[in-house]
């Protein structure tokens, strides 16, 4: 009878340690998977305020008809595009092709806005800038937490 109790006790101890090891492995595995996601999120969170401020500055420059300021603010946005294209969204990660298309569209619309402003077509540049804003909104709706 003692042998049987010892065997049962050992089985329970081994079973418990196996389960806790599996739980530890699962937690470690989840942590390893979320670390890159957290880094991507930090990158995007650092980038978004700058893009927001530059976008507001671009809009103001367009309203004032200041070509040099338009170029300056647009350059800030365009400089962030390569990092944006390398990053991954917070949600709908499997739809990264759409995310990349939106990043390319952002680049295209900002470039178009600047080109029109350089030509002195501020009405056209303002219309082009509306597409910049629409692209930002579309991306945030689809991919932001």
N, C-alpha and C. Protein backbone atom coordinates (compact mmCIF):
# COMPACT_ATOMS: atom_id res chain seq x y z
N UNK A 1 0.81 -1.18 0.00
CA UNK A 1 0.00 0.00 0.00
C UNK A 1 0.86 1.26 0.00
N UNK A 2 1.96 1.23 0.82
CA UNK A 2 2.87 2.36 0.86
C UNK A 2 3.47 2.62 -0.51
N UNK A 3 3.86 1.53 -1.20
CA UNK A 3 4.45 1.67 -2.54
C UNK A 3 3.47 2.36 -3.49
N UNK A 4 2.23 1.95 -3.38
CA UNK A 4 1.21 2.52 -4.26
C UNK A 4 1.05 4.02 -3.99
N UNK A 5 1.01 4.42 -2.74
CA UNK A 5 0.89 5.84 -2.37
C UNK A 5 2.09 6.64 -2.86
N UNK A 6 3.26 6.04 -2.75
CA UNK A 6 4.48 6.70 -3.21
C UNK A 6 4.43 6.88 -4.73
N UNK A 7 4.00 5.86 -5.43
CA UNK A 7 3.90 5.93 -6.89
C UNK A 7 2.89 7.00 -7.30
N UNK A 8 1.76 7.05 -6.62
CA UNK A 8 0.74 8.05 -6.92
C UNK A 8 1.29 9.45 -6.65
N UNK A 9 1.96 9.62 -5.52
CA UNK A 9 2.52 10.92 -5.16
C UNK A 9 3.57 11.35 -6.18
N UNK A 10 4.45 10.44 -6.56
CA UNK A 10 5.46 10.75 -7.57
C UNK A 10 4.82 11.10 -8.92
N UNK A 11 3.80 10.37 -9.27
CA UNK A 11 3.08 10.66 -10.52
C UNK A 11 2.48 12.06 -10.49
N UNK A 12 1.91 12.41 -9.36
CA UNK A 12 1.33 13.75 -9.23
C UNK A 12 2.39 14.84 -9.32
N UNK A 13 3.52 14.60 -8.64
CA UNK A 13 4.61 15.58 -8.68
C UNK A 13 5.15 15.73 -10.10
N UNK A 14 5.40 14.60 -10.75
CA UNK A 14 5.90 14.64 -12.13
C UNK A 14 4.89 15.29 -13.07
N UNK A 15 3.63 14.95 -12.90
CA UNK A 15 2.59 15.55 -13.74
C UNK A 15 2.50 17.05 -13.54
N UNK A 16 2.56 17.48 -12.29
CA UNK A 16 2.50 18.91 -11.99
C UNK A 16 3.71 19.65 -12.56
N UNK A 17 4.88 19.05 -12.42
CA UNK A 17 6.07 19.72 -12.94
C UNK A 17 6.05 19.76 -14.47
N UNK A 18 5.52 18.73 -15.09
CA UNK A 18 5.39 18.72 -16.55
C UNK A 18 4.44 19.82 -17.00
N UNK A 19 3.32 19.95 -16.32
CA UNK A 19 2.35 20.99 -16.67
C UNK A 19 2.92 22.37 -16.46
N UNK A 20 3.64 22.58 -15.35
CA UNK A 20 4.19 23.91 -15.12
C UNK A 20 5.30 24.21 -16.13
N UNK A 21 6.05 23.19 -16.53
CA UNK A 21 7.06 23.37 -17.58
C UNK A 21 6.42 23.74 -18.90
N UNK A 22 5.30 23.08 -19.22
CA UNK A 22 4.58 23.40 -20.45
C UNK A 22 4.03 24.81 -20.39
N UNK A 23 3.52 25.19 -19.23
CA UNK A 23 2.99 26.55 -19.06
C UNK A 23 4.12 27.56 -19.21
N UNK A 24 5.26 27.27 -18.62
CA UNK A 24 6.41 28.17 -18.74
C UNK A 24 6.84 28.29 -20.19
N UNK A 25 6.89 27.15 -20.88
CA UNK A 25 7.28 27.17 -22.30
C UNK A 25 6.29 27.99 -23.12
N UNK A 26 5.01 27.85 -22.82
CA UNK A 26 3.99 28.61 -23.54
C UNK A 26 4.14 30.10 -23.29
N UNK A 27 4.37 30.48 -22.03
CA UNK A 27 4.55 31.89 -21.71
C UNK A 27 5.79 32.43 -22.40
N UNK A 28 6.87 31.67 -22.37
CA UNK A 28 8.11 32.09 -23.02
C UNK A 28 7.89 32.22 -24.52
N UNK A 29 7.19 31.26 -25.11
CA UNK A 29 6.92 31.30 -26.54
C UNK A 29 6.08 32.52 -26.90
N UNK A 30 5.05 32.81 -26.10
CA UNK A 30 4.21 33.98 -26.34
C UNK A 30 5.02 35.25 -26.20
N UNK A 31 5.89 35.31 -25.19
CA UNK A 31 6.72 36.50 -25.00
C UNK A 31 7.64 36.71 -26.18
N UNK A 32 8.20 35.63 -26.70
CA UNK A 32 9.09 35.75 -27.86
C UNK A 32 8.33 36.23 -29.08
N UNK A 33 7.07 35.80 -29.21
CA UNK A 33 6.27 36.22 -30.36
C UNK A 33 5.81 37.66 -30.23
N UNK A 34 5.55 38.13 -29.03
CA UNK A 34 5.04 39.49 -28.85
C UNK A 34 6.15 40.52 -28.84
N UNK A 35 7.38 40.12 -28.55
CA UNK A 35 8.48 41.08 -28.51
C UNK A 35 8.65 41.81 -29.83
N UNK A 36 8.69 41.11 -30.98
CA UNK A 36 8.78 41.84 -32.25
C UNK A 36 7.56 42.72 -32.50
N UNK A 37 6.39 42.23 -32.13
CA UNK A 37 5.16 43.02 -32.31
C UNK A 37 5.24 44.29 -31.47
N UNK A 38 5.75 44.15 -30.24
CA UNK A 38 5.90 45.32 -29.38
C UNK A 38 6.89 46.32 -29.97
N UNK A 39 7.98 45.82 -30.54
CA UNK A 39 8.97 46.70 -31.17
C UNK A 39 8.36 47.42 -32.37
N UNK A 40 7.56 46.69 -33.16
CA UNK A 40 6.89 47.32 -34.31
C UNK A 40 5.93 48.40 -33.83
N UNK A 41 5.20 48.08 -32.77
CA UNK A 41 4.24 49.05 -32.23
C UNK A 41 4.97 50.30 -31.73
N UNK A 42 6.10 50.10 -31.06
CA UNK A 42 6.87 51.24 -30.56
C UNK A 42 7.36 52.10 -31.71
N UNK A 43 7.80 51.46 -32.79
CA UNK A 43 8.27 52.20 -33.96
C UNK A 43 7.14 53.03 -34.54
N UNK A 44 5.99 52.40 -34.73
CA UNK A 44 4.84 53.12 -35.28
C UNK A 44 4.37 54.22 -34.34
N UNK A 45 4.35 53.93 -33.04
CA UNK A 45 3.90 54.94 -32.08
C UNK A 45 4.86 56.13 -32.03
N UNK A 46 6.13 55.90 -32.28
CA UNK A 46 7.09 57.01 -32.33
C UNK A 46 6.92 57.81 -33.62
N UNK A 47 6.56 57.14 -34.68
CA UNK A 47 6.46 57.77 -35.99
C UNK A 47 5.17 58.59 -36.14
N UNK A 48 4.07 58.10 -35.62
CA UNK A 48 2.77 58.72 -35.87
C UNK A 48 2.65 60.16 -35.38
N UNK A 49 3.12 60.51 -34.19
CA UNK A 49 3.01 61.92 -33.79
C UNK A 49 3.78 62.85 -34.73
N UNK A 50 4.96 62.42 -35.17
CA UNK A 50 5.74 63.23 -36.09
C UNK A 50 4.98 63.40 -37.41
N UNK A 51 4.39 62.31 -37.91
CA UNK A 51 3.63 62.39 -39.16
C UNK A 51 2.41 63.30 -38.99
N UNK A 52 1.79 63.24 -37.84
CA UNK A 52 0.62 64.08 -37.57
C UNK A 52 1.01 65.56 -37.54
N UNK A 53 2.09 65.87 -36.87
CA UNK A 53 2.56 67.26 -36.77
C UNK A 53 2.98 67.76 -38.16
N UNK A 54 3.71 66.94 -38.90
CA UNK A 54 4.16 67.34 -40.24
C UNK A 54 2.96 67.53 -41.17
N UNK A 55 1.98 66.67 -41.04
CA UNK A 55 0.77 66.78 -41.86
C UNK A 55 0.02 68.08 -41.55
N UNK A 56 -0.09 68.41 -40.28
CA UNK A 56 -0.74 69.66 -39.89
C UNK A 56 0.05 70.86 -40.40
N UNK A 57 1.38 70.77 -40.33
CA UNK A 57 2.23 71.84 -40.85
C UNK A 57 2.10 71.99 -42.35
N UNK A 58 1.97 70.86 -43.04
CA UNK A 58 1.80 70.87 -44.49
C UNK A 58 0.47 71.53 -44.86
N UNK A 59 -0.56 71.19 -44.13
CA UNK A 59 -1.88 71.78 -44.38
C UNK A 59 -1.84 73.30 -44.17
N UNK A 60 -1.22 73.74 -43.09
CA UNK A 60 -1.10 75.17 -42.80
C UNK A 60 -0.29 75.88 -43.89
N UNK A 61 0.80 75.26 -44.31
CA UNK A 61 1.63 75.86 -45.36
C UNK A 61 0.86 75.99 -46.67
N UNK A 62 0.04 75.00 -46.98
CA UNK A 62 -0.78 75.07 -48.18
C UNK A 62 -1.79 76.20 -48.08
N UNK A 63 -2.41 76.35 -46.92
CA UNK A 63 -3.39 77.42 -46.72
C UNK A 63 -2.75 78.79 -46.85
N UNK A 64 -1.50 78.90 -46.41
CA UNK A 64 -0.79 80.19 -46.48
C UNK A 64 -0.10 80.39 -47.83
N UNK A 65 -0.04 79.34 -48.64
CA UNK A 65 0.63 79.45 -49.94
C UNK A 65 2.14 79.56 -49.83
N UNK A 66 2.73 78.91 -48.84
CA UNK A 66 4.17 78.97 -48.60
C UNK A 66 4.86 77.71 -49.15
N UNK A 67 5.37 77.82 -50.34
CA UNK A 67 5.99 76.68 -51.02
C UNK A 67 7.14 76.07 -50.22
N UNK A 68 8.00 76.91 -49.68
CA UNK A 68 9.16 76.39 -48.93
C UNK A 68 8.70 75.59 -47.71
N UNK A 69 7.68 76.06 -47.04
CA UNK A 69 7.16 75.33 -45.87
C UNK A 69 6.47 74.04 -46.28
N UNK A 70 5.80 74.07 -47.43
CA UNK A 70 5.17 72.86 -47.96
C UNK A 70 6.25 71.80 -48.17
N UNK A 71 7.33 72.21 -48.83
CA UNK A 71 8.43 71.28 -49.10
C UNK A 71 9.05 70.75 -47.81
N UNK A 72 9.25 71.62 -46.86
CA UNK A 72 9.88 71.24 -45.58
C UNK A 72 9.03 70.20 -44.84
N UNK A 73 7.73 70.45 -44.74
CA UNK A 73 6.85 69.53 -44.01
C UNK A 73 6.68 68.22 -44.78
N UNK A 74 6.58 68.32 -46.09
CA UNK A 74 6.43 67.11 -46.92
C UNK A 74 7.67 66.23 -46.81
N UNK A 75 8.85 66.84 -46.74
CA UNK A 75 10.09 66.07 -46.61
C UNK A 75 10.11 65.24 -45.33
N UNK A 76 9.54 65.78 -44.27
CA UNK A 76 9.47 65.04 -43.01
C UNK A 76 8.63 63.78 -43.20
N UNK A 77 7.51 63.93 -43.90
CA UNK A 77 6.63 62.78 -44.14
C UNK A 77 7.32 61.79 -45.05
N UNK A 78 7.89 62.29 -46.14
CA UNK A 78 8.54 61.40 -47.12
C UNK A 78 9.74 60.68 -46.51
N UNK A 79 10.44 61.32 -45.59
CA UNK A 79 11.59 60.68 -44.94
C UNK A 79 11.16 59.50 -44.07
N UNK A 80 9.93 59.52 -43.59
CA UNK A 80 9.43 58.43 -42.73
C UNK A 80 8.85 57.26 -43.53
N UNK A 81 8.60 57.45 -44.80
CA UNK A 81 7.95 56.41 -45.61
C UNK A 81 8.75 55.11 -45.66
N UNK A 82 10.08 55.12 -45.87
CA UNK A 82 10.80 53.85 -45.87
C UNK A 82 10.63 53.05 -44.57
N UNK A 83 10.68 53.74 -43.43
CA UNK A 83 10.48 53.04 -42.15
C UNK A 83 9.05 52.54 -42.04
N UNK A 84 8.12 53.30 -42.55
CA UNK A 84 6.71 52.88 -42.53
C UNK A 84 6.53 51.62 -43.36
N UNK A 85 7.18 51.57 -44.51
CA UNK A 85 7.08 50.40 -45.38
C UNK A 85 7.74 49.16 -44.76
N UNK A 86 8.73 49.36 -43.92
CA UNK A 86 9.40 48.23 -43.27
C UNK A 86 8.64 47.72 -42.05
N UNK A 87 7.79 48.57 -41.50
CA UNK A 87 7.06 48.18 -40.30
C UNK A 87 5.86 47.32 -40.65
N UNK A 88 5.21 46.83 -39.61
CA UNK A 88 3.99 46.04 -39.78
C UNK A 88 2.89 46.68 -38.97
N UNK A 89 1.68 46.55 -39.43
CA UNK A 89 0.58 47.17 -38.70
C UNK A 89 0.26 46.45 -37.40
N UNK A 90 -0.54 47.09 -36.56
CA UNK A 90 -0.94 46.52 -35.28
C UNK A 90 -1.93 45.38 -35.47
N UNK A 91 -2.90 45.57 -36.35
CA UNK A 91 -3.91 44.55 -36.56
C UNK A 91 -4.00 44.26 -38.06
N UNK A 92 -4.66 43.18 -38.39
CA UNK A 92 -4.77 42.73 -39.79
C UNK A 92 -3.39 42.54 -40.41
N UNK A 93 -2.49 41.98 -39.63
CA UNK A 93 -1.09 41.82 -40.05
C UNK A 93 -0.98 40.99 -41.33
N UNK A 94 -1.90 40.06 -41.52
CA UNK A 94 -1.84 39.21 -42.72
C UNK A 94 -2.21 39.98 -43.99
N UNK A 95 -2.72 41.18 -43.82
CA UNK A 95 -3.08 42.00 -44.98
C UNK A 95 -2.00 43.05 -45.25
N UNK A 96 -0.77 42.66 -45.05
CA UNK A 96 0.36 43.59 -45.17
C UNK A 96 0.49 44.18 -46.57
N UNK A 97 0.07 43.44 -47.61
CA UNK A 97 0.14 43.98 -48.97
C UNK A 97 -0.72 45.25 -49.09
N UNK A 98 -1.88 45.23 -48.48
CA UNK A 98 -2.74 46.42 -48.48
C UNK A 98 -2.06 47.55 -47.71
N UNK A 99 -1.44 47.21 -46.60
CA UNK A 99 -0.71 48.18 -45.79
C UNK A 99 0.40 48.84 -46.62
N UNK A 100 1.14 48.03 -47.35
CA UNK A 100 2.22 48.56 -48.19
C UNK A 100 1.68 49.42 -49.33
N UNK A 101 0.54 49.03 -49.88
CA UNK A 101 -0.08 49.84 -50.93
C UNK A 101 -0.50 51.20 -50.38
N UNK A 102 -1.02 51.21 -49.18
CA UNK A 102 -1.40 52.49 -48.56
C UNK A 102 -0.17 53.35 -48.27
N UNK A 103 0.92 52.73 -47.84
CA UNK A 103 2.16 53.49 -47.61
C UNK A 103 2.67 54.07 -48.92
N UNK A 104 2.59 53.30 -50.00
CA UNK A 104 3.02 53.80 -51.32
C UNK A 104 2.08 54.92 -51.79
N UNK A 105 0.80 54.76 -51.52
CA UNK A 105 -0.16 55.80 -51.90
C UNK A 105 0.10 57.08 -51.12
N UNK A 106 0.46 56.95 -49.85
CA UNK A 106 0.81 58.12 -49.05
C UNK A 106 1.99 58.85 -49.68
N UNK A 107 3.01 58.09 -50.04
CA UNK A 107 4.19 58.68 -50.68
C UNK A 107 3.81 59.39 -51.98
N UNK A 108 2.99 58.73 -52.78
CA UNK A 108 2.56 59.29 -54.07
C UNK A 108 1.76 60.58 -53.89
N UNK A 109 0.82 60.57 -52.94
CA UNK A 109 -0.03 61.75 -52.76
C UNK A 109 0.72 62.92 -52.14
N UNK A 110 1.65 62.64 -51.25
CA UNK A 110 2.47 63.73 -50.69
C UNK A 110 3.36 64.32 -51.78
N UNK A 111 3.96 63.47 -52.59
CA UNK A 111 4.81 63.93 -53.69
C UNK A 111 4.00 64.78 -54.67
N UNK A 112 2.80 64.34 -54.97
CA UNK A 112 1.92 65.09 -55.87
C UNK A 112 1.56 66.45 -55.28
N UNK A 113 1.27 66.46 -53.99
CA UNK A 113 0.92 67.72 -53.31
C UNK A 113 2.07 68.71 -53.43
N UNK A 114 3.27 68.27 -53.18
CA UNK A 114 4.45 69.14 -53.26
C UNK A 114 4.67 69.62 -54.69
N UNK A 115 4.54 68.71 -55.64
CA UNK A 115 4.73 69.09 -57.05
C UNK A 115 3.77 70.18 -57.48
N UNK A 116 2.52 70.07 -57.08
CA UNK A 116 1.53 71.09 -57.43
C UNK A 116 1.83 72.42 -56.73
N UNK A 117 2.26 72.35 -55.49
CA UNK A 117 2.61 73.58 -54.76
C UNK A 117 3.81 74.27 -55.40
N UNK A 118 4.79 73.50 -55.83
CA UNK A 118 5.97 74.08 -56.49
C UNK A 118 5.59 74.80 -57.79
N UNK A 119 4.56 74.30 -58.44
CA UNK A 119 4.08 74.93 -59.68
C UNK A 119 3.19 76.14 -59.39
N UNK A 120 2.90 76.37 -58.11
CA UNK A 120 2.05 77.49 -57.74
C UNK A 120 0.56 77.16 -57.77
N UNK A 121 0.22 75.91 -58.00
CA UNK A 121 -1.17 75.47 -58.05
C UNK A 121 -1.61 75.03 -56.65
N UNK A 122 -1.87 76.03 -55.80
CA UNK A 122 -2.23 75.71 -54.42
C UNK A 122 -3.63 75.12 -54.29
N UNK A 123 -4.52 75.47 -55.20
CA UNK A 123 -5.85 74.86 -55.18
C UNK A 123 -5.73 73.36 -55.48
N UNK A 124 -4.94 73.02 -56.49
CA UNK A 124 -4.69 71.61 -56.82
C UNK A 124 -3.94 70.89 -55.71
N UNK A 125 -3.00 71.60 -55.09
CA UNK A 125 -2.22 71.01 -54.00
C UNK A 125 -3.12 70.71 -52.79
N UNK A 126 -4.07 71.59 -52.52
CA UNK A 126 -5.00 71.36 -51.41
C UNK A 126 -5.88 70.14 -51.70
N UNK A 127 -6.29 70.01 -52.95
CA UNK A 127 -7.09 68.84 -53.34
C UNK A 127 -6.26 67.56 -53.20
N UNK A 128 -5.01 67.63 -53.64
CA UNK A 128 -4.11 66.48 -53.51
C UNK A 128 -3.88 66.15 -52.04
N UNK A 129 -3.78 67.19 -51.22
CA UNK A 129 -3.56 66.96 -49.79
C UNK A 129 -4.76 66.26 -49.15
N UNK A 130 -5.96 66.50 -49.64
CA UNK A 130 -7.14 65.79 -49.14
C UNK A 130 -6.97 64.28 -49.35
N UNK A 131 -6.30 63.90 -50.44
CA UNK A 131 -6.02 62.48 -50.69
C UNK A 131 -4.98 61.96 -49.69
N UNK A 132 -4.06 62.80 -49.29
CA UNK A 132 -3.08 62.41 -48.26
C UNK A 132 -3.84 62.09 -46.97
N UNK A 133 -4.72 63.00 -46.58
CA UNK A 133 -5.49 62.79 -45.35
C UNK A 133 -6.37 61.55 -45.45
N UNK A 134 -7.00 61.35 -46.61
CA UNK A 134 -7.86 60.17 -46.80
C UNK A 134 -7.05 58.88 -46.70
N UNK A 135 -5.83 58.90 -47.21
CA UNK A 135 -4.96 57.72 -47.15
C UNK A 135 -4.59 57.42 -45.69
N UNK A 136 -4.28 58.44 -44.93
CA UNK A 136 -3.97 58.26 -43.50
C UNK A 136 -5.17 57.65 -42.78
N UNK A 137 -6.34 58.20 -43.02
CA UNK A 137 -7.55 57.71 -42.37
C UNK A 137 -7.81 56.25 -42.75
N UNK A 138 -7.69 55.94 -44.05
CA UNK A 138 -7.94 54.56 -44.51
C UNK A 138 -7.00 53.57 -43.82
N UNK A 139 -5.75 53.95 -43.67
CA UNK A 139 -4.77 53.08 -43.02
C UNK A 139 -5.10 52.90 -41.54
N UNK A 140 -5.44 53.98 -40.88
CA UNK A 140 -5.75 53.90 -39.45
C UNK A 140 -7.00 53.07 -39.21
N UNK A 141 -8.01 53.23 -40.07
CA UNK A 141 -9.25 52.45 -39.92
C UNK A 141 -8.96 50.96 -40.06
N UNK A 142 -8.13 50.61 -41.02
CA UNK A 142 -7.87 49.20 -41.34
C UNK A 142 -6.85 48.55 -40.39
N UNK A 143 -5.84 49.32 -39.97
CA UNK A 143 -4.71 48.68 -39.30
C UNK A 143 -4.38 49.18 -37.89
N UNK A 144 -5.03 50.18 -37.43
CA UNK A 144 -4.67 50.71 -36.12
C UNK A 144 -5.47 50.02 -35.02
N UNK A 145 -4.84 49.89 -33.84
CA UNK A 145 -5.53 49.31 -32.67
C UNK A 145 -6.65 50.23 -32.23
